[in-house]
């Protein structure tokens, strides 16, 4: 079953490597982002993408969130979380390459737990990317409740899940 607006965002634990502003090349230990605990009392934008470093994700999707982070924060967003079916090391490397710094949590869903819990999955086995990946989506989660959910009709494009659309929905 796919989540929808009004639903409680499912509780999963995602791993990420925090960005070190003092030493951006430092290899930190992974941290756990618990969606129930860490989303409580906060307005969170969750951006799901099929794969780190993939062309659509790197050219059209993530960069807009990086450049619009101040506007998102000005509209009351406490956290922006970008999550993909990659592991947390890949997500960390992708975040560094996109100059995300500590503005966006780059979380891995390598085991597909978030995808299964939300129902927002995509089978990319024919493309050699695995059979359980997140589809391209963006959600606004306010104190654990999904208040806005946009899912791309074509996951190779960014139309309804871009930063401008999320800003309009806030």
N, C-alpha and C. Protein backbone atom coordinates (compact mmCIF):
# COMPACT_ATOMS: atom_id res chain seq x y z
N UNK A 1 0.84 -1.18 0.00
CA UNK A 1 0.00 0.00 0.00
C UNK A 1 0.89 1.25 0.00
N UNK A 2 0.56 2.20 -0.84
CA UNK A 2 1.33 3.42 -0.96
C UNK A 2 0.82 4.47 0.02
N UNK A 3 1.74 5.17 0.67
CA UNK A 3 1.32 6.24 1.58
C UNK A 3 0.61 7.33 0.78
N UNK A 4 -0.15 8.11 1.51
CA UNK A 4 -0.86 9.22 0.89
C UNK A 4 -0.92 10.38 1.87
N UNK A 5 -1.34 11.52 1.38
CA UNK A 5 -1.46 12.68 2.24
C UNK A 5 -2.42 12.37 3.39
N UNK A 6 -2.05 12.80 4.57
CA UNK A 6 -2.84 12.54 5.77
C UNK A 6 -2.33 11.34 6.56
N UNK A 7 -1.55 10.48 5.92
CA UNK A 7 -0.99 9.31 6.61
C UNK A 7 0.18 9.71 7.51
N UNK A 8 0.43 8.87 8.49
CA UNK A 8 1.64 9.00 9.29
C UNK A 8 2.80 8.48 8.46
N UNK A 9 3.89 9.23 8.43
CA UNK A 9 5.06 8.76 7.70
C UNK A 9 5.60 7.54 8.42
N UNK A 10 5.92 6.47 7.69
CA UNK A 10 6.35 5.24 8.36
C UNK A 10 7.66 5.40 9.12
N UNK A 11 7.77 4.65 10.18
CA UNK A 11 9.01 4.67 10.95
C UNK A 11 10.02 3.71 10.33
N UNK A 12 11.13 4.26 9.92
CA UNK A 12 12.27 3.48 9.44
C UNK A 12 13.53 4.14 9.97
N UNK A 13 14.60 3.39 9.94
CA UNK A 13 15.89 3.95 10.34
C UNK A 13 16.78 3.96 9.11
N UNK A 14 17.21 5.15 8.75
CA UNK A 14 18.08 5.35 7.60
C UNK A 14 19.45 5.78 8.10
N UNK A 15 20.48 5.34 7.41
CA UNK A 15 21.83 5.74 7.82
C UNK A 15 22.36 6.82 6.89
N UNK A 16 23.17 7.69 7.50
CA UNK A 16 23.81 8.77 6.76
C UNK A 16 25.13 9.12 7.44
N UNK A 17 25.98 9.78 6.69
CA UNK A 17 27.25 10.25 7.25
C UNK A 17 27.15 11.76 7.35
N UNK A 18 27.24 12.30 8.57
CA UNK A 18 27.12 13.75 8.71
C UNK A 18 28.30 14.47 8.06
N UNK A 19 28.01 15.61 7.46
CA UNK A 19 29.03 16.42 6.85
C UNK A 19 29.81 17.13 7.94
N UNK A 20 31.10 17.14 7.84
CA UNK A 20 31.97 17.78 8.82
C UNK A 20 32.40 19.13 8.26
N UNK A 21 31.86 20.21 8.82
CA UNK A 21 32.19 21.54 8.31
C UNK A 21 33.65 21.89 8.59
N UNK A 22 34.23 21.33 9.64
CA UNK A 22 35.63 21.60 9.95
C UNK A 22 36.57 20.86 9.00
N UNK A 23 36.21 19.63 8.65
CA UNK A 23 37.04 18.83 7.74
C UNK A 23 36.13 18.08 6.79
N UNK A 24 35.79 18.69 5.64
CA UNK A 24 34.85 18.06 4.71
C UNK A 24 35.33 16.71 4.16
N UNK A 25 36.60 16.42 4.27
CA UNK A 25 37.12 15.15 3.78
C UNK A 25 37.18 14.07 4.86
N UNK A 26 36.78 14.42 6.07
CA UNK A 26 36.80 13.46 7.16
C UNK A 26 35.81 12.34 6.91
N UNK A 27 36.20 11.14 7.24
CA UNK A 27 35.30 9.99 7.11
C UNK A 27 34.69 9.74 8.48
N UNK A 28 33.48 10.17 8.65
CA UNK A 28 32.77 10.04 9.92
C UNK A 28 32.04 8.71 9.99
N UNK A 29 31.70 8.31 11.18
CA UNK A 29 30.89 7.11 11.37
C UNK A 29 29.46 7.41 10.97
N UNK A 30 28.76 6.42 10.42
CA UNK A 30 27.37 6.66 10.03
C UNK A 30 26.50 6.92 11.26
N UNK A 31 25.49 7.76 11.05
CA UNK A 31 24.50 8.07 12.07
C UNK A 31 23.17 7.48 11.62
N UNK A 32 22.25 7.36 12.56
CA UNK A 32 20.93 6.83 12.25
C UNK A 32 19.91 7.96 12.29
N UNK A 33 19.12 8.04 11.25
CA UNK A 33 17.99 8.95 11.20
C UNK A 33 16.75 8.10 11.40
N UNK A 34 16.10 8.28 12.54
CA UNK A 34 14.87 7.55 12.86
C UNK A 34 13.71 8.46 12.48
N UNK A 35 12.93 8.06 11.49
CA UNK A 35 11.89 8.95 10.97
C UNK A 35 10.81 9.28 12.00
N UNK A 36 10.58 8.42 12.96
CA UNK A 36 9.59 8.74 13.98
C UNK A 36 10.17 9.75 14.98
N UNK A 37 11.33 9.43 15.51
CA UNK A 37 11.95 10.27 16.53
C UNK A 37 12.44 11.60 15.95
N UNK A 38 13.13 11.55 14.82
CA UNK A 38 13.77 12.75 14.27
C UNK A 38 12.83 13.64 13.48
N UNK A 39 11.65 13.15 13.12
CA UNK A 39 10.66 13.98 12.43
C UNK A 39 9.65 14.58 13.42
N UNK A 40 9.64 14.10 14.66
CA UNK A 40 8.67 14.57 15.65
C UNK A 40 8.85 16.07 15.91
N UNK A 41 7.76 16.80 15.81
CA UNK A 41 7.79 18.23 16.08
C UNK A 41 8.48 19.06 15.02
N UNK A 42 8.77 18.47 13.87
CA UNK A 42 9.50 19.17 12.81
C UNK A 42 8.75 19.12 11.50
N UNK A 43 9.07 20.10 10.65
CA UNK A 43 8.60 20.08 9.27
C UNK A 43 9.78 19.59 8.43
N UNK A 44 9.55 18.48 7.72
CA UNK A 44 10.62 17.81 6.99
C UNK A 44 10.21 17.66 5.53
N UNK A 45 11.15 17.90 4.64
CA UNK A 45 10.95 17.60 3.23
C UNK A 45 11.79 16.36 2.94
N UNK A 46 11.12 15.31 2.46
CA UNK A 46 11.80 14.07 2.09
C UNK A 46 11.78 13.99 0.57
N UNK A 47 12.97 13.88 -0.01
CA UNK A 47 13.10 13.78 -1.45
C UNK A 47 13.64 12.39 -1.78
N UNK A 48 12.84 11.59 -2.43
CA UNK A 48 13.25 10.24 -2.81
C UNK A 48 13.71 10.23 -4.26
N UNK A 49 14.83 9.58 -4.49
CA UNK A 49 15.37 9.49 -5.85
C UNK A 49 15.78 8.04 -6.14
N UNK A 50 15.71 7.63 -7.40
CA UNK A 50 16.08 6.26 -7.75
C UNK A 50 17.56 5.92 -7.55
N UNK A 51 18.46 6.89 -7.81
CA UNK A 51 19.87 6.55 -7.68
C UNK A 51 20.80 7.75 -7.63
N UNK A 52 21.70 7.72 -6.67
CA UNK A 52 22.73 8.75 -6.57
C UNK A 52 23.57 8.75 -7.83
N UNK A 53 24.02 9.92 -8.21
CA UNK A 53 24.89 10.14 -9.37
C UNK A 53 24.20 9.86 -10.71
N UNK A 54 22.95 9.46 -10.71
CA UNK A 54 22.27 9.23 -11.99
C UNK A 54 21.97 10.59 -12.64
N UNK A 55 21.87 10.63 -13.96
CA UNK A 55 21.75 11.92 -14.64
C UNK A 55 20.58 12.79 -14.18
N UNK A 56 19.37 12.25 -14.13
CA UNK A 56 18.22 13.07 -13.73
C UNK A 56 18.38 13.56 -12.30
N UNK A 57 18.83 12.68 -11.42
CA UNK A 57 18.98 13.04 -10.01
C UNK A 57 20.04 14.12 -9.82
N UNK A 58 21.15 14.00 -10.55
CA UNK A 58 22.28 14.92 -10.38
C UNK A 58 22.15 16.21 -11.18
N UNK A 59 21.41 16.19 -12.26
CA UNK A 59 21.31 17.38 -13.10
C UNK A 59 20.04 18.17 -12.82
N UNK A 60 18.91 17.45 -12.64
CA UNK A 60 17.63 18.15 -12.51
C UNK A 60 17.08 18.21 -11.09
N UNK A 61 17.32 17.19 -10.28
CA UNK A 61 16.57 17.10 -9.02
C UNK A 61 17.30 17.70 -7.82
N UNK A 62 18.38 17.07 -7.38
CA UNK A 62 19.07 17.51 -6.16
C UNK A 62 19.60 18.94 -6.25
N UNK A 63 20.21 19.36 -7.36
CA UNK A 63 20.78 20.72 -7.38
C UNK A 63 19.78 21.83 -7.03
N UNK A 64 18.54 21.69 -7.43
CA UNK A 64 17.54 22.72 -7.11
C UNK A 64 17.30 22.80 -5.61
N UNK A 65 17.31 21.67 -4.93
CA UNK A 65 17.14 21.68 -3.47
C UNK A 65 18.35 22.33 -2.79
N UNK A 66 19.53 22.11 -3.35
CA UNK A 66 20.74 22.73 -2.80
C UNK A 66 20.65 24.25 -2.94
N UNK A 67 20.26 24.72 -4.11
CA UNK A 67 20.22 26.17 -4.33
C UNK A 67 19.03 26.85 -3.63
N UNK A 68 17.99 26.11 -3.33
CA UNK A 68 16.78 26.69 -2.73
C UNK A 68 16.68 26.40 -1.22
N UNK A 69 17.75 25.92 -0.61
CA UNK A 69 17.69 25.52 0.80
C UNK A 69 17.28 26.68 1.71
N UNK A 70 17.78 27.88 1.45
CA UNK A 70 17.43 29.02 2.29
C UNK A 70 15.94 29.35 2.18
N UNK A 71 15.38 29.23 0.98
CA UNK A 71 13.96 29.49 0.79
C UNK A 71 13.12 28.43 1.51
N UNK A 72 13.56 27.18 1.47
CA UNK A 72 12.85 26.12 2.17
C UNK A 72 12.88 26.38 3.67
N UNK A 73 14.04 26.74 4.20
CA UNK A 73 14.17 27.02 5.63
C UNK A 73 13.30 28.23 6.02
N UNK A 74 13.26 29.24 5.15
CA UNK A 74 12.45 30.44 5.42
C UNK A 74 10.96 30.11 5.50
N UNK A 75 10.56 29.03 4.86
CA UNK A 75 9.15 28.61 4.90
C UNK A 75 8.88 27.61 6.04
N UNK A 76 9.85 27.50 6.95
CA UNK A 76 9.64 26.69 8.15
C UNK A 76 10.14 25.26 8.08
N UNK A 77 10.87 24.90 7.04
CA UNK A 77 11.38 23.54 6.94
C UNK A 77 12.57 23.39 7.88
N UNK A 78 12.50 22.37 8.75
CA UNK A 78 13.58 22.10 9.69
C UNK A 78 14.65 21.19 9.10
N UNK A 79 14.22 20.20 8.32
CA UNK A 79 15.14 19.23 7.73
C UNK A 79 14.75 18.96 6.28
N UNK A 80 15.78 18.79 5.46
CA UNK A 80 15.59 18.26 4.11
C UNK A 80 16.39 16.97 4.07
N UNK A 81 15.73 15.89 3.70
CA UNK A 81 16.36 14.58 3.64
C UNK A 81 16.25 14.06 2.21
N UNK A 82 17.39 13.79 1.61
CA UNK A 82 17.41 13.16 0.29
C UNK A 82 17.76 11.70 0.52
N UNK A 83 16.94 10.81 0.00
CA UNK A 83 17.14 9.37 0.24
C UNK A 83 17.07 8.61 -1.07
N UNK A 84 17.96 7.63 -1.17
CA UNK A 84 18.03 6.79 -2.36
C UNK A 84 18.34 5.36 -1.93
N UNK A 85 18.18 4.45 -2.86
CA UNK A 85 18.46 3.05 -2.60
C UNK A 85 19.94 2.72 -2.55
N UNK A 86 20.77 3.71 -2.52
CA UNK A 86 22.21 3.50 -2.40
C UNK A 86 22.60 3.40 -0.92
N UNK A 87 23.83 2.96 -0.67
CA UNK A 87 24.30 2.93 0.72
C UNK A 87 24.73 4.32 1.17
N UNK A 88 24.94 4.48 2.47
CA UNK A 88 25.24 5.79 3.04
C UNK A 88 26.59 6.34 2.60
N UNK A 89 27.55 5.48 2.24
CA UNK A 89 28.83 5.98 1.74
C UNK A 89 28.65 6.63 0.37
N UNK A 90 27.87 6.00 -0.49
CA UNK A 90 27.59 6.56 -1.82
C UNK A 90 26.83 7.87 -1.67
N UNK A 91 25.84 7.89 -0.79
CA UNK A 91 25.06 9.11 -0.59
C UNK A 91 25.94 10.24 -0.06
N UNK A 92 26.86 9.92 0.82
CA UNK A 92 27.79 10.93 1.33
C UNK A 92 28.67 11.48 0.21
N UNK A 93 29.20 10.60 -0.61
CA UNK A 93 30.04 11.03 -1.73
C UNK A 93 29.25 11.89 -2.71
N UNK A 94 28.01 11.49 -2.98
CA UNK A 94 27.17 12.27 -3.88
C UNK A 94 26.89 13.65 -3.28
N UNK A 95 26.60 13.69 -1.99
CA UNK A 95 26.37 14.97 -1.32
C UNK A 95 27.58 15.90 -1.41
N UNK A 96 28.76 15.33 -1.23
CA UNK A 96 29.98 16.14 -1.35
C UNK A 96 30.15 16.65 -2.77
N UNK A 97 29.87 15.80 -3.75
CA UNK A 97 30.04 16.22 -5.15
C UNK A 97 29.03 17.29 -5.55
N UNK A 98 27.89 17.33 -4.88
CA UNK A 98 26.85 18.31 -5.18
C UNK A 98 26.89 19.52 -4.24
N UNK A 99 27.91 19.57 -3.39
CA UNK A 99 28.12 20.69 -2.46
C UNK A 99 26.94 20.89 -1.50
N UNK A 100 26.40 19.77 -1.05
CA UNK A 100 25.26 19.80 -0.13
C UNK A 100 25.65 20.33 1.25
N UNK A 101 26.88 20.06 1.65
CA UNK A 101 27.39 20.43 2.97
C UNK A 101 26.50 19.82 4.04
N UNK A 102 26.16 20.59 5.08
CA UNK A 102 25.30 20.05 6.14
C UNK A 102 23.86 20.55 5.99
N UNK A 103 23.51 21.02 4.79
CA UNK A 103 22.17 21.56 4.56
C UNK A 103 21.11 20.49 4.30
N UNK A 104 21.54 19.35 3.76
CA UNK A 104 20.62 18.28 3.41
C UNK A 104 21.20 16.97 3.95
N UNK A 105 20.39 16.18 4.60
CA UNK A 105 20.83 14.86 5.05
C UNK A 105 20.74 13.92 3.85
N UNK A 106 21.86 13.31 3.51
CA UNK A 106 21.93 12.39 2.37
C UNK A 106 21.89 10.96 2.93
N UNK A 107 20.70 10.37 2.94
CA UNK A 107 20.49 9.09 3.60
C UNK A 107 20.37 7.94 2.61
N UNK A 108 20.89 6.81 3.02
CA UNK A 108 20.81 5.61 2.20
C UNK A 108 19.68 4.69 2.63
N UNK A 109 19.03 4.10 1.64
CA UNK A 109 17.99 3.09 1.87
C UNK A 109 18.38 1.83 1.11
N UNK A 110 19.62 1.41 1.32
CA UNK A 110 20.19 0.29 0.56
C UNK A 110 19.40 -1.01 0.72
N UNK A 111 18.74 -1.20 1.83
CA UNK A 111 17.95 -2.42 2.05
C UNK A 111 16.49 -2.25 1.61
N UNK A 112 16.14 -1.09 1.12
CA UNK A 112 14.79 -0.87 0.61
C UNK A 112 13.71 -0.74 1.66
N UNK A 113 14.08 -0.48 2.90
CA UNK A 113 13.08 -0.41 3.98
C UNK A 113 12.10 0.74 3.80
N UNK A 114 12.61 1.92 3.45
CA UNK A 114 11.71 3.05 3.24
C UNK A 114 10.82 2.81 2.02
N UNK A 115 11.40 2.28 0.98
CA UNK A 115 10.61 1.99 -0.22
C UNK A 115 9.46 1.05 0.07
N UNK A 116 9.75 -0.03 0.79
CA UNK A 116 8.69 -0.99 1.12
C UNK A 116 7.66 -0.38 2.08
N UNK A 117 8.13 0.39 3.06
CA UNK A 117 7.22 0.96 4.06
C UNK A 117 6.29 2.01 3.45
N UNK A 118 6.76 2.73 2.43
CA UNK A 118 5.95 3.77 1.81
C UNK A 118 5.19 3.27 0.58
N UNK A 119 5.65 2.16 0.01
CA UNK A 119 5.07 1.67 -1.23
C UNK A 119 5.55 2.46 -2.45
N UNK A 120 6.53 3.31 -2.25
CA UNK A 120 7.04 4.17 -3.32
C UNK A 120 8.28 3.53 -3.96
N UNK A 121 8.06 2.37 -4.58
CA UNK A 121 9.16 1.63 -5.17
C UNK A 121 9.08 1.60 -6.68
N UNK A 122 10.19 1.21 -7.25
CA UNK A 122 10.35 1.17 -8.69
C UNK A 122 11.26 0.00 -9.00
N UNK A 123 10.93 -0.78 -10.01
CA UNK A 123 11.76 -1.91 -10.42
C UNK A 123 12.66 -1.46 -11.58
N UNK A 124 13.94 -1.35 -11.31
CA UNK A 124 14.90 -0.93 -12.32
C UNK A 124 15.87 -2.05 -12.70
N UNK A 125 15.44 -3.29 -12.50
CA UNK A 125 16.29 -4.44 -12.82
C UNK A 125 16.71 -4.45 -14.28
N UNK A 126 15.79 -4.09 -15.18
CA UNK A 126 16.11 -4.08 -16.61
C UNK A 126 17.21 -3.08 -16.95
N UNK A 127 17.36 -2.06 -16.10
CA UNK A 127 18.40 -1.06 -16.32
C UNK A 127 19.68 -1.40 -15.56
N UNK A 128 19.65 -2.53 -14.83
CA UNK A 128 20.82 -2.93 -14.06
C UNK A 128 20.99 -2.18 -12.76
N UNK A 129 19.91 -1.56 -12.26
CA UNK A 129 20.01 -0.78 -11.03
C UNK A 129 19.31 -1.44 -9.84
N UNK A 130 18.83 -2.65 -10.00
CA UNK A 130 18.19 -3.34 -8.89
C UNK A 130 16.68 -3.39 -9.01
N UNK A 131 16.09 -4.34 -8.33
CA UNK A 131 14.65 -4.53 -8.47
C UNK A 131 13.83 -3.73 -7.47
N UNK A 132 14.44 -3.23 -6.40
CA UNK A 132 13.69 -2.41 -5.45
C UNK A 132 14.45 -1.11 -5.23
N UNK A 133 13.99 -0.08 -5.90
CA UNK A 133 14.53 1.26 -5.75
C UNK A 133 13.39 2.19 -5.38
N UNK A 134 13.72 3.31 -4.81
CA UNK A 134 12.69 4.33 -4.57
C UNK A 134 12.32 4.95 -5.90
N UNK A 135 11.05 5.23 -6.06
CA UNK A 135 10.65 6.02 -7.21
C UNK A 135 10.94 7.48 -6.88
N UNK A 136 10.82 8.35 -7.83
CA UNK A 136 11.11 9.77 -7.60
C UNK A 136 9.88 10.41 -6.94
N UNK A 137 10.08 10.92 -5.73
CA UNK A 137 8.98 11.56 -5.01
C UNK A 137 9.51 12.68 -4.13
N UNK A 138 8.60 13.49 -3.66
CA UNK A 138 8.91 14.52 -2.67
C UNK A 138 7.71 14.60 -1.73
N UNK A 139 8.00 14.64 -0.45
CA UNK A 139 6.94 14.69 0.56
C UNK A 139 7.25 15.78 1.58
N UNK A 140 6.19 16.42 2.02
CA UNK A 140 6.31 17.32 3.16
C UNK A 140 5.70 16.56 4.33
N UNK A 141 6.49 16.41 5.38
CA UNK A 141 6.07 15.68 6.57
C UNK A 141 6.09 16.67 7.73
N UNK A 142 4.92 16.93 8.31
CA UNK A 142 4.81 17.89 9.40
C UNK A 142 4.45 17.14 10.68
N UNK A 143 5.39 17.12 11.61
CA UNK A 143 5.22 16.40 12.88
C UNK A 143 4.77 14.96 12.65
N UNK A 144 5.41 14.32 11.68
CA UNK A 144 5.16 12.91 11.41
C UNK A 144 4.03 12.61 10.44
N UNK A 145 3.25 13.61 10.05
CA UNK A 145 2.13 13.42 9.12
C UNK A 145 2.51 13.91 7.73
N UNK A 146 2.13 13.15 6.72
CA UNK A 146 2.36 13.54 5.33
C UNK A 146 1.32 14.59 4.97
N UNK A 147 1.76 15.83 4.74
CA UNK A 147 0.83 16.90 4.38
C UNK A 147 0.83 17.17 2.88
N UNK A 148 1.87 16.71 2.20
CA UNK A 148 1.94 16.86 0.74
C UNK A 148 2.79 15.70 0.21
N UNK A 149 2.32 15.09 -0.87
CA UNK A 149 3.08 14.01 -1.50
C UNK A 149 2.98 14.16 -3.00
N UNK A 150 4.13 14.23 -3.64
CA UNK A 150 4.19 14.30 -5.10
C UNK A 150 5.04 13.14 -5.60
N UNK A 151 4.51 12.41 -6.56
CA UNK A 151 5.21 11.27 -7.15
C UNK A 151 5.30 11.53 -8.65
N UNK A 152 6.49 11.41 -9.19
CA UNK A 152 6.67 11.65 -10.62
C UNK A 152 5.97 10.57 -11.44
N UNK A 153 5.18 10.97 -12.42
CA UNK A 153 4.57 9.98 -13.32
C UNK A 153 5.63 9.28 -14.17
N UNK A 154 6.71 9.97 -14.48
CA UNK A 154 7.84 9.42 -15.22
C UNK A 154 9.08 9.66 -14.38
N UNK A 155 9.64 8.63 -13.73
CA UNK A 155 10.76 8.84 -12.82
C UNK A 155 12.05 9.31 -13.49
N UNK A 156 12.05 9.38 -14.83
CA UNK A 156 13.23 9.92 -15.51
C UNK A 156 13.12 11.42 -15.72
N UNK A 157 12.10 12.04 -15.14
CA UNK A 157 11.89 13.48 -15.30
C UNK A 157 11.58 14.09 -13.93
N UNK A 158 11.74 15.40 -13.85
CA UNK A 158 11.40 16.13 -12.62
C UNK A 158 10.36 17.18 -13.00
N UNK A 159 9.12 16.92 -12.63
CA UNK A 159 8.05 17.88 -12.90
C UNK A 159 7.38 18.29 -11.60
N UNK A 160 6.79 17.33 -10.89
CA UNK A 160 6.02 17.65 -9.67
C UNK A 160 6.82 17.54 -8.37
N UNK A 161 8.04 17.01 -8.45
CA UNK A 161 8.82 16.77 -7.23
C UNK A 161 9.98 17.75 -7.04
N UNK A 162 10.07 18.73 -7.91
CA UNK A 162 11.16 19.69 -7.83
C UNK A 162 11.02 20.65 -6.67
N UNK A 163 12.09 21.33 -6.35
CA UNK A 163 12.12 22.25 -5.22
C UNK A 163 11.10 23.37 -5.37
N UNK A 164 10.90 23.89 -6.57
CA UNK A 164 9.92 24.96 -6.75
C UNK A 164 8.51 24.49 -6.43
N UNK A 165 8.18 23.27 -6.82
CA UNK A 165 6.85 22.73 -6.52
C UNK A 165 6.66 22.55 -5.01
N UNK A 166 7.70 22.10 -4.34
CA UNK A 166 7.61 21.91 -2.88
C UNK A 166 7.49 23.27 -2.20
N UNK A 167 8.24 24.25 -2.67
CA UNK A 167 8.11 25.60 -2.10
C UNK A 167 6.68 26.12 -2.26
N UNK A 168 6.07 25.88 -3.39
CA UNK A 168 4.68 26.30 -3.61
C UNK A 168 3.72 25.59 -2.67
N UNK A 169 4.01 24.34 -2.36
CA UNK A 169 3.14 23.54 -1.50
C UNK A 169 3.28 23.91 -0.01
N UNK A 170 4.39 24.55 0.33
CA UNK A 170 4.60 24.94 1.72
C UNK A 170 3.74 26.12 2.03
